[in-house]
Amino acid sequence: MTVLRPPGGRRQARRWLVGGRDDFVVVLFLLTASYVLFAITSAAWARGVVSALYVMTMVVAVRAADPTRAQRRAVVWIVLAGAGATGLALLVLPVADAMGLSDVALTVLLAVTLALVLGRVLAHRTVTVQTIAGALSAYLLIGMTFTSVYAVVAWLEVEPFFASGAPQDVPDLQYFSFATLTTLGYGDLTAASGAGRGLATFEALVGQIFLATLVASLVASFRESRELRELRGQNSDGDAPPGL
């Protein structure tokens, strides 16, 4: 005799820790949590916690994207190479240079994760809530990828990244990236160099095209699919034709 047991806390905890295929609602939640934590503090201990959350989020995002075996191996090699290079750099290079190399590795990881998530979202034949969550996750990943790119540019350039000379820490770079992505307009922070301004212009274009094409079309398709399902449900609940 087989006893069916409802899913317990362990299964739910495992879902939030490692995720599953097309589980983009969890990915969106973790990305949002990472964004908020990076925005509210720049303390060293907080950066370590958020970095760990970042890694877990990337793992869940990659699992949700259902990559091929070759793609999974590529992600693993990127993580191992980035961790190894950062660890070695901390031993032989100044901390600033080691963190710069870490930002390079993070940029590659974020870009690969973005490509996998976006590819999975576009492969959905039916638009669901998970599809919309996947598209929004990709949107957040765009902003986070550019945040990491700006960090690399700030590390490579001699002059300050911001025209005001403000410290180019992660919260400010993230604020600048998402202000650019959403085209909210600049206030206290603007890019000083040509590279920074060029990347900011490109990010603004990517963000607007992404929202105007992919997200808008997915939301419209989801609404049409829901209305069609409701119409079919109403028809199935209608009175049957009278018998002979």
C-alpha atoms as a PDB file:
ATOM      1  CA  MET A   1       0.000   0.000   0.000  1.00  0.00           C
ATOM      2  CA  THR A   2       1.379   3.380  -1.023  1.00  0.00           C
ATOM      3  CA  VAL A   3       0.796   6.331   1.242  1.00  0.00           C
ATOM      4  CA  LEU A   4       0.673   9.695  -0.471  1.00  0.00           C
ATOM      5  CA  ARG A   5       2.178  12.461   1.593  1.00  0.00           C
ATOM      6  CA  PRO A   6       1.795  16.164   0.910  1.00  0.00           C
ATOM      7  CA  PRO A   7       4.965  18.009   0.056  1.00  0.00           C
ATOM      8  CA  GLY A   8       6.694  19.034   3.241  1.00  0.00           C
ATOM      9  CA  GLY A   9       8.884  21.875   4.282  1.00  0.00           C
ATOM     10  CA  ARG A  10      12.033  20.195   2.996  1.00  0.00           C
ATOM     11  CA  ARG A  11      10.723  20.033  -0.552  1.00  0.00           C
ATOM     12  CA  GLN A  12       9.610  23.650  -0.453  1.00  0.00           C
ATOM     13  CA  ALA A  13      12.969  24.730   0.977  1.00  0.00           C
ATOM     14  CA  ARG A  14      14.796  22.797  -1.746  1.00  0.00           C
ATOM     15  CA  ARG A  15      12.685  24.553  -4.367  1.00  0.00           C
ATOM     16  CA  TRP A  16      13.766  27.954  -3.089  1.00  0.00           C
ATOM     17  CA  LEU A  17      17.420  26.906  -2.787  1.00  0.00           C
ATOM     18  CA  VAL A  18      17.954  25.162  -6.130  1.00  0.00           C
ATOM     19  CA  GLY A  19      14.765  25.874  -8.079  1.00  0.00           C
ATOM     20  CA  GLY A  20      13.493  23.853 -11.012  1.00  0.00           C
ATOM     21  CA  ARG A  21      12.771  24.074 -14.692  1.00  0.00           C
ATOM     22  CA  ASP A  22      10.792  27.215 -15.620  1.00  0.00           C
ATOM     23  CA  ASP A  23      10.587  28.233 -11.954  1.00  0.00           C
ATOM     24  CA  PHE A  24      11.080  31.892 -12.830  1.00  0.00           C
ATOM     25  CA  VAL A  25       8.886  33.267 -10.039  1.00  0.00           C
ATOM     26  CA  VAL A  26      11.524  32.078  -7.565  1.00  0.00           C
ATOM     27  CA  VAL A  27      14.260  33.570  -9.771  1.00  0.00           C
ATOM     28  CA  LEU A  28      12.462  36.920  -9.859  1.00  0.00           C
ATOM     29  CA  PHE A  29      12.100  36.929  -6.072  1.00  0.00           C
ATOM     30  CA  LEU A  30      15.798  36.164  -5.532  1.00  0.00           C
ATOM     31  CA  LEU A  31      16.905  38.790  -8.057  1.00  0.00           C
ATOM     32  CA  THR A  32      14.709  41.384  -6.367  1.00  0.00           C
ATOM     33  CA  ALA A  33      16.127  40.455  -2.959  1.00  0.00           C
ATOM     34  CA  SER A  34      19.682  40.769  -4.306  1.00  0.00           C
ATOM     35  CA  TYR A  35      18.882  44.168  -5.791  1.00  0.00           C
ATOM     36  CA  VAL A  36      17.402  45.483  -2.541  1.00  0.00           C
ATOM     37  CA  LEU A  37      20.290  44.230  -0.403  1.00  0.00           C
ATOM     38  CA  PHE A  38      22.883  45.760  -2.715  1.00  0.00           C
ATOM     39  CA  ALA A  39      20.958  49.053  -2.738  1.00  0.00           C
ATOM     40  CA  ILE A  40      20.625  49.531   1.009  1.00  0.00           C
ATOM     41  CA  THR A  41      24.173  48.831   2.170  1.00  0.00           C
ATOM     42  CA  SER A  42      27.767  48.802   0.983  1.00  0.00           C
ATOM     43  CA  ALA A  43      29.352  47.256   4.086  1.00  0.00           C
ATOM     44  CA  ALA A  44      31.972  44.583   3.489  1.00  0.00           C
ATOM     45  CA  TRP A  45      30.047  41.886   5.366  1.00  0.00           C
ATOM     46  CA  ALA A  46      26.873  42.725   3.459  1.00  0.00           C
ATOM     47  CA  ARG A  47      28.698  42.462   0.140  1.00  0.00           C
ATOM     48  CA  GLY A  48      29.817  38.961   1.129  1.00  0.00           C
ATOM     49  CA  VAL A  49      26.258  37.944   1.993  1.00  0.00           C
ATOM     50  CA  VAL A  50      24.859  39.434  -1.203  1.00  0.00           C
ATOM     51  CA  SER A  51      27.601  37.787  -3.265  1.00  0.00           C
ATOM     52  CA  ALA A  52      26.572  34.416  -1.830  1.00  0.00           C
ATOM     53  CA  LEU A  53      22.942  35.240  -2.618  1.00  0.00           C
ATOM     54  CA  TYR A  54      24.024  36.213  -6.133  1.00  0.00           C
ATOM     55  CA  VAL A  55      25.646  32.824  -6.677  1.00  0.00           C
ATOM     56  CA  MET A  56      22.559  31.010  -5.383  1.00  0.00           C
ATOM     57  CA  THR A  57      20.355  33.164  -7.609  1.00  0.00           C
ATOM     58  CA  MET A  58      22.462  32.344 -10.661  1.00  0.00           C
ATOM     59  CA  VAL A  59      22.202  28.616  -9.842  1.00  0.00           C
ATOM     60  CA  VAL A  60      18.406  28.837  -9.589  1.00  0.00           C
ATOM     61  CA  ALA A  61      18.211  30.929 -12.774  1.00  0.00           C
ATOM     62  CA  VAL A  62      20.344  28.480 -14.749  1.00  0.00           C
ATOM     63  CA  ARG A  63      18.246  25.530 -13.539  1.00  0.00           C
ATOM     64  CA  ALA A  64      15.061  27.373 -14.480  1.00  0.00           C
ATOM     65  CA  ALA A  65      16.441  27.975 -17.984  1.00  0.00           C
ATOM     66  CA  ASP A  66      16.795  24.186 -18.470  1.00  0.00           C
ATOM     67  CA  PRO A  67      20.209  24.364 -20.171  1.00  0.00           C
ATOM     68  CA  THR A  68      21.826  21.586 -22.163  1.00  0.00           C
ATOM     69  CA  ARG A  69      24.638  19.532 -20.682  1.00  0.00           C
ATOM     70  CA  ALA A  70      27.224  21.562 -22.584  1.00  0.00           C
ATOM     71  CA  GLN A  71      25.704  24.809 -21.320  1.00  0.00           C
ATOM     72  CA  ARG A  72      25.728  23.553 -17.728  1.00  0.00           C
ATOM     73  CA  ARG A  73      29.380  22.597 -18.062  1.00  0.00           C
ATOM     74  CA  ALA A  74      30.189  26.029 -19.458  1.00  0.00           C
ATOM     75  CA  VAL A  75      28.512  27.724 -16.489  1.00  0.00           C
ATOM     76  CA  VAL A  76      30.372  25.486 -14.030  1.00  0.00           C
ATOM     77  CA  TRP A  77      33.700  26.277 -15.696  1.00  0.00           C
ATOM     78  CA  ILE A  78      32.937  30.006 -15.612  1.00  0.00           C
ATOM     79  CA  VAL A  79      32.175  29.858 -11.889  1.00  0.00           C
ATOM     80  CA  LEU A  80      35.264  27.763 -11.111  1.00  0.00           C
ATOM     81  CA  ALA A  81      37.544  29.903 -13.265  1.00  0.00           C
ATOM     82  CA  GLY A  82      36.192  33.112 -11.766  1.00  0.00           C
ATOM     83  CA  ALA A  83      36.521  31.848  -8.198  1.00  0.00           C
ATOM     84  CA  GLY A  84      40.017  30.510  -8.845  1.00  0.00           C
ATOM     85  CA  ALA A  85      41.210  33.693 -10.542  1.00  0.00           C
ATOM     86  CA  THR A  86      39.778  35.860  -7.772  1.00  0.00           C
ATOM     87  CA  GLY A  87      41.335  33.726  -5.042  1.00  0.00           C
ATOM     88  CA  LEU A  88      44.726  33.774  -6.738  1.00  0.00           C
ATOM     89  CA  ALA A  89      44.490  37.511  -7.367  1.00  0.00           C
ATOM     90  CA  LEU A  90      43.800  38.148  -3.682  1.00  0.00           C
ATOM     91  CA  LEU A  91      47.110  36.462  -2.881  1.00  0.00           C
ATOM     92  CA  VAL A  92      49.320  38.310  -5.355  1.00  0.00           C
ATOM     93  CA  LEU A  93      47.503  41.530  -6.271  1.00  0.00           C
ATOM     94  CA  PRO A  94      46.058  44.510  -4.390  1.00  0.00           C
ATOM     95  CA  VAL A  95      42.491  44.102  -3.193  1.00  0.00           C
ATOM     96  CA  ALA A  96      41.168  46.614  -5.743  1.00  0.00           C
ATOM     97  CA  ASP A  97      42.642  44.647  -8.641  1.00  0.00           C
ATOM     98  CA  ALA A  98      41.387  41.356  -7.231  1.00  0.00           C
ATOM     99  CA  MET A  99      37.878  42.779  -6.948  1.00  0.00           C
ATOM    100  CA  GLY A 100      38.189  44.091 -10.502  1.00  0.00           C
ATOM    101  CA  LEU A 101      38.943  40.586 -11.768  1.00  0.00           C
ATOM    102  CA  SER A 102      36.003  39.340  -9.709  1.00  0.00           C
ATOM    103  CA  ASP A 103      33.767  41.873 -11.468  1.00  0.00           C
ATOM    104  CA  VAL A 104      34.992  40.594 -14.845  1.00  0.00           C
ATOM    105  CA  ALA A 105      34.058  37.021 -13.898  1.00  0.00           C
ATOM    106  CA  LEU A 106      30.696  38.177 -12.540  1.00  0.00           C
ATOM    107  CA  THR A 107      29.979  40.058 -15.771  1.00  0.00           C
ATOM    108  CA  VAL A 108      30.560  36.910 -17.821  1.00  0.00           C
ATOM    109  CA  LEU A 109      28.396  34.821 -15.476  1.00  0.00           C
ATOM    110  CA  LEU A 110      25.560  37.361 -15.530  1.00  0.00           C
ATOM    111  CA  ALA A 111      25.683  37.660 -19.324  1.00  0.00           C
ATOM    112  CA  VAL A 112      25.577  33.877 -19.795  1.00  0.00           C
ATOM    113  CA  THR A 113      22.718  33.540 -17.299  1.00  0.00           C
ATOM    114  CA  LEU A 114      20.826  36.322 -19.073  1.00  0.00           C
ATOM    115  CA  ALA A 115      21.235  34.573 -22.426  1.00  0.00           C
ATOM    116  CA  LEU A 116      20.012  31.247 -21.007  1.00  0.00           C
ATOM    117  CA  VAL A 117      16.974  32.780 -19.283  1.00  0.00           C
ATOM    118  CA  LEU A 118      16.018  34.822 -22.329  1.00  0.00           C
ATOM    119  CA  GLY A 119      16.411  31.818 -24.611  1.00  0.00           C
ATOM    120  CA  ARG A 120      14.147  29.735 -22.374  1.00  0.00           C
ATOM    121  CA  VAL A 121      11.500  32.463 -22.210  1.00  0.00           C
ATOM    122  CA  LEU A 122      11.446  32.785 -26.001  1.00  0.00           C
ATOM    123  CA  ALA A 123      11.097  28.997 -26.305  1.00  0.00           C
ATOM    124  CA  HIS A 124       7.790  28.974 -24.398  1.00  0.00           C
ATOM    125  CA  ARG A 125       4.954  28.132 -26.773  1.00  0.00           C
ATOM    126  CA  THR A 126       2.302  29.173 -24.266  1.00  0.00           C
ATOM    127  CA  VAL A 127       2.655  32.372 -22.273  1.00  0.00           C
ATOM    128  CA  THR A 128       2.162  31.714 -18.557  1.00  0.00           C
ATOM    129  CA  VAL A 129       2.875  33.518 -15.315  1.00  0.00           C
ATOM    130  CA  GLN A 130       6.284  31.838 -15.305  1.00  0.00           C
ATOM    131  CA  THR A 131       6.955  33.262 -18.773  1.00  0.00           C
ATOM    132  CA  ILE A 132       6.201  36.796 -17.594  1.00  0.00           C
ATOM    133  CA  ALA A 133       8.336  36.254 -14.494  1.00  0.00           C
ATOM    134  CA  GLY A 134      11.147  34.992 -16.722  1.00  0.00           C
ATOM    135  CA  ALA A 135      10.975  38.102 -18.896  1.00  0.00           C
ATOM    136  CA  LEU A 136      11.050  40.359 -15.833  1.00  0.00           C
ATOM    137  CA  SER A 137      13.966  38.337 -14.471  1.00  0.00           C
ATOM    138  CA  ALA A 138      15.815  38.918 -17.738  1.00  0.00           C
ATOM    139  CA  TYR A 139      15.102  42.642 -17.406  1.00  0.00           C
ATOM    140  CA  LEU A 140      16.643  42.712 -13.936  1.00  0.00           C
ATOM    141  CA  LEU A 141      19.585  40.668 -15.198  1.00  0.00           C
ATOM    142  CA  ILE A 142      20.202  43.293 -17.884  1.00  0.00           C
ATOM    143  CA  GLY A 143      20.493  45.981 -15.225  1.00  0.00           C
ATOM    144  CA  MET A 144      22.730  43.815 -13.041  1.00  0.00           C
ATOM    145  CA  THR A 145      24.956  42.881 -15.979  1.00  0.00           C
ATOM    146  CA  PHE A 146      25.490  46.534 -16.849  1.00  0.00           C
ATOM    147  CA  THR A 147      26.160  47.266 -13.171  1.00  0.00           C
ATOM    148  CA  SER A 148      28.996  44.769 -13.310  1.00  0.00           C
ATOM    149  CA  VAL A 149      30.217  46.191 -16.628  1.00  0.00           C
ATOM    150  CA  TYR A 150      30.343  49.682 -15.113  1.00  0.00           C
ATOM    151  CA  ALA A 151      32.328  48.277 -12.189  1.00  0.00           C
ATOM    152  CA  VAL A 152      34.873  46.837 -14.635  1.00  0.00           C
ATOM    153  CA  VAL A 153      35.106  50.161 -16.494  1.00  0.00           C
ATOM    154  CA  ALA A 154      35.563  52.031 -13.209  1.00  0.00           C
ATOM    155  CA  TRP A 155      38.355  49.613 -12.280  1.00  0.00           C
ATOM    156  CA  LEU A 156      40.172  49.976 -15.608  1.00  0.00           C
ATOM    157  CA  GLU A 157      39.926  53.757 -15.919  1.00  0.00           C
ATOM    158  CA  VAL A 158      42.293  56.076 -14.095  1.00  0.00           C
ATOM    159  CA  GLU A 159      39.802  58.925 -13.724  1.00  0.00           C
ATOM    160  CA  PRO A 160      36.669  58.594 -11.552  1.00  0.00           C
ATOM    161  CA  PHE A 161      33.741  56.922 -13.292  1.00  0.00           C
ATOM    162  CA  PHE A 162      31.228  59.545 -12.156  1.00  0.00           C
ATOM    163  CA  ALA A 163      31.535  63.180 -13.217  1.00  0.00           C
ATOM    164  CA  SER A 164      30.885  64.306  -9.640  1.00  0.00           C
ATOM    165  CA  GLY A 165      33.846  62.285  -8.399  1.00  0.00           C
ATOM    166  CA  ALA A 166      31.573  60.233  -6.117  1.00  0.00           C
ATOM    167  CA  PRO A 167      32.925  56.863  -4.931  1.00  0.00           C
ATOM    168  CA  GLN A 168      32.098  54.162  -7.465  1.00  0.00           C
ATOM    169  CA  ASP A 169      30.801  51.581  -5.011  1.00  0.00           C
ATOM    170  CA  VAL A 170      28.273  48.890  -5.904  1.00  0.00           C
ATOM    171  CA  PRO A 171      25.106  50.669  -4.638  1.00  0.00           C
ATOM    172  CA  ASP A 172      25.896  53.798  -6.671  1.00  0.00           C
ATOM    173  CA  LEU A 173      26.797  51.798  -9.785  1.00  0.00           C
ATOM    174  CA  GLN A 174      23.592  49.786  -9.447  1.00  0.00           C
ATOM    175  CA  TYR A 175      21.561  52.967  -8.965  1.00  0.00           C
ATOM    176  CA  PHE A 176      23.178  54.467 -12.064  1.00  0.00           C
ATOM    177  CA  SER A 177      22.575  51.297 -14.093  1.00  0.00           C
ATOM    178  CA  PHE A 178      18.877  50.972 -13.304  1.00  0.00           C
ATOM    179  CA  ALA A 179      18.281  54.711 -13.666  1.00  0.00           C
ATOM    180  CA  THR A 180      19.750  54.310 -17.141  1.00  0.00           C
ATOM    181  CA  LEU A 181      17.863  51.107 -17.938  1.00  0.00           C
ATOM    182  CA  THR A 182      14.500  52.585 -16.971  1.00  0.00           C
ATOM    183  CA  THR A 183      15.358  56.020 -18.460  1.00  0.00           C
ATOM    184  CA  LEU A 184      14.223  57.759 -15.276  1.00  0.00           C
ATOM    185  CA  GLY A 185      16.745  60.519 -15.850  1.00  0.00           C
ATOM    186  CA  TYR A 186      19.982  61.405 -14.122  1.00  0.00           C
ATOM    187  CA  GLY A 187      20.279  63.560 -11.061  1.00  0.00           C
ATOM    188  CA  ASP A 188      23.389  63.400  -8.932  1.00  0.00           C
ATOM    189  CA  LEU A 189      25.314  60.719 -10.855  1.00  0.00           C
ATOM    190  CA  THR A 190      26.398  60.864 -14.499  1.00  0.00           C
ATOM    191  CA  ALA A 191      29.163  59.061 -16.360  1.00  0.00           C
ATOM    192  CA  ALA A 192      32.309  61.105 -16.912  1.00  0.00           C
ATOM    193  CA  SER A 193      34.181  59.181 -19.607  1.00  0.00           C
ATOM    194  CA  GLY A 194      33.224  58.450 -23.173  1.00  0.00           C
ATOM    195  CA  ALA A 195      33.151  54.716 -22.449  1.00  0.00           C
ATOM    196  CA  GLY A 196      30.735  55.204 -19.575  1.00  0.00           C
ATOM    197  CA  ARG A 197      28.436  57.476 -21.568  1.00  0.00           C
ATOM    198  CA  GLY A 198      28.484  55.142 -24.565  1.00  0.00           C
ATOM    199  CA  LEU A 199      27.599  52.120 -22.439  1.00  0.00           C
ATOM    200  CA  ALA A 200      24.842  54.083 -20.697  1.00  0.00           C
ATOM    201  CA  THR A 201      23.293  55.049 -24.033  1.00  0.00           C
ATOM    202  CA  PHE A 202      23.415  51.443 -25.189  1.00  0.00           C
ATOM    203  CA  GLU A 203      21.824  50.215 -21.953  1.00  0.00           C
ATOM    204  CA  ALA A 204      18.983  52.730 -22.276  1.00  0.00           C
ATOM    205  CA  LEU A 205      18.289  51.533 -25.824  1.00  0.00           C
ATOM    206  CA  VAL A 206      18.347  47.887 -24.762  1.00  0.00           C
ATOM    207  CA  GLY A 207      15.973  48.558 -21.871  1.00  0.00           C
ATOM    208  CA  GLN A 208      13.412  50.416 -23.953  1.00  0.00           C
ATOM    209  CA  ILE A 209      13.489  47.913 -26.816  1.00  0.00           C
ATOM    210  CA  PHE A 210      13.153  45.045 -24.343  1.00  0.00           C
ATOM    211  CA  LEU A 211      10.105  46.562 -22.652  1.00  0.00           C
ATOM    212  CA  ALA A 212       8.431  47.764 -25.853  1.00  0.00           C
ATOM    213  CA  THR A 213       8.831  44.498 -27.741  1.00  0.00           C
ATOM    214  CA  LEU A 214       9.283  41.387 -25.634  1.00  0.00           C
ATOM    215  CA  VAL A 215       7.567  42.236 -22.343  1.00  0.00           C
ATOM    216  CA  ALA A 216       4.660  44.082 -23.967  1.00  0.00           C
ATOM    217  CA  SER A 217       4.025  41.270 -26.466  1.00  0.00           C
ATOM    218  CA  LEU A 218       4.225  38.602 -23.746  1.00  0.00           C
ATOM    219  CA  VAL A 219       1.736  40.450 -21.538  1.00  0.00           C
ATOM    220  CA  ALA A 220      -0.642  40.860 -24.495  1.00  0.00           C
ATOM    221  CA  SER A 221      -0.333  37.166 -25.386  1.00  0.00           C
ATOM    222  CA  PHE A 222      -0.910  36.169 -21.761  1.00  0.00           C
ATOM    223  CA  ARG A 223      -4.063  38.298 -21.616  1.00  0.00           C
ATOM    224  CA  GLU A 224      -5.367  36.816 -24.858  1.00  0.00           C
ATOM    225  CA  SER A 225      -4.658  33.277 -23.651  1.00  0.00           C
ATOM    226  CA  ARG A 226      -6.470  33.923 -20.372  1.00  0.00           C
ATOM    227  CA  GLU A 227      -9.490  35.415 -22.130  1.00  0.00           C
ATOM    228  CA  LEU A 228      -9.577  32.441 -24.501  1.00  0.00           C
ATOM    229  CA  ARG A 229      -9.493  29.987 -21.592  1.00  0.00           C
ATOM    230  CA  GLU A 230     -12.290  31.875 -19.833  1.00  0.00           C
ATOM    231  CA  LEU A 231     -14.360  31.828 -23.015  1.00  0.00           C
ATOM    232  CA  ARG A 232     -13.859  28.097 -23.410  1.00  0.00           C
ATOM    233  CA  GLY A 233     -14.830  27.589 -19.785  1.00  0.00           C
ATOM    234  CA  GLN A 234     -18.050  29.560 -20.266  1.00  0.00           C
ATOM    235  CA  ASN A 235     -18.901  27.538 -23.363  1.00  0.00           C
ATOM    236  CA  SER A 236     -18.293  24.249 -21.577  1.00  0.00           C
ATOM    237  CA  ASP A 237     -20.586  25.340 -18.718  1.00  0.00           C
ATOM    238  CA  GLY A 238     -23.414  26.271 -21.079  1.00  0.00           C
ATOM    239  CA  ASP A 239     -26.677  24.380 -21.431  1.00  0.00           C
ATOM    240  CA  ALA A 240     -26.457  21.250 -23.512  1.00  0.00           C
ATOM    241  CA  PRO A 241     -28.657  21.101 -26.604  1.00  0.00           C
ATOM    242  CA  PRO A 242     -32.027  19.430 -25.983  1.00  0.00           C
ATOM    243  CA  GLY A 243     -32.255  15.741 -26.884  1.00  0.00           C
ATOM    244  CA  LEU A 244     -34.522  14.275 -29.524  1.00  0.00           C
END
